[in-house]
């Protein structure tokens, strides 16, 4: 099940307060500025900095290319 669109419109990174990319098929929200991934578990975004996963350059590249290819837009316009 996908996250509610109204929820996505207000979701922001808890650290830099910027928009995120939502990868529904991977159950993750991604901050490309900080290269940090937040998981979505049981349709609940886990937006805790301490539980976020930092990704390496290769994973960052994969996610940004996937976002472009699949036309994934940020959760809101900064």
Foldseek 3Di string as FASTA:
>chain_A
DEADLVVLLCDAQPPPRHWWWDDRVQQWTADLVQQKIWGQDPNRTPRDPVPIDRDDPVVSVVVVVCCVVVVTDTSHDD
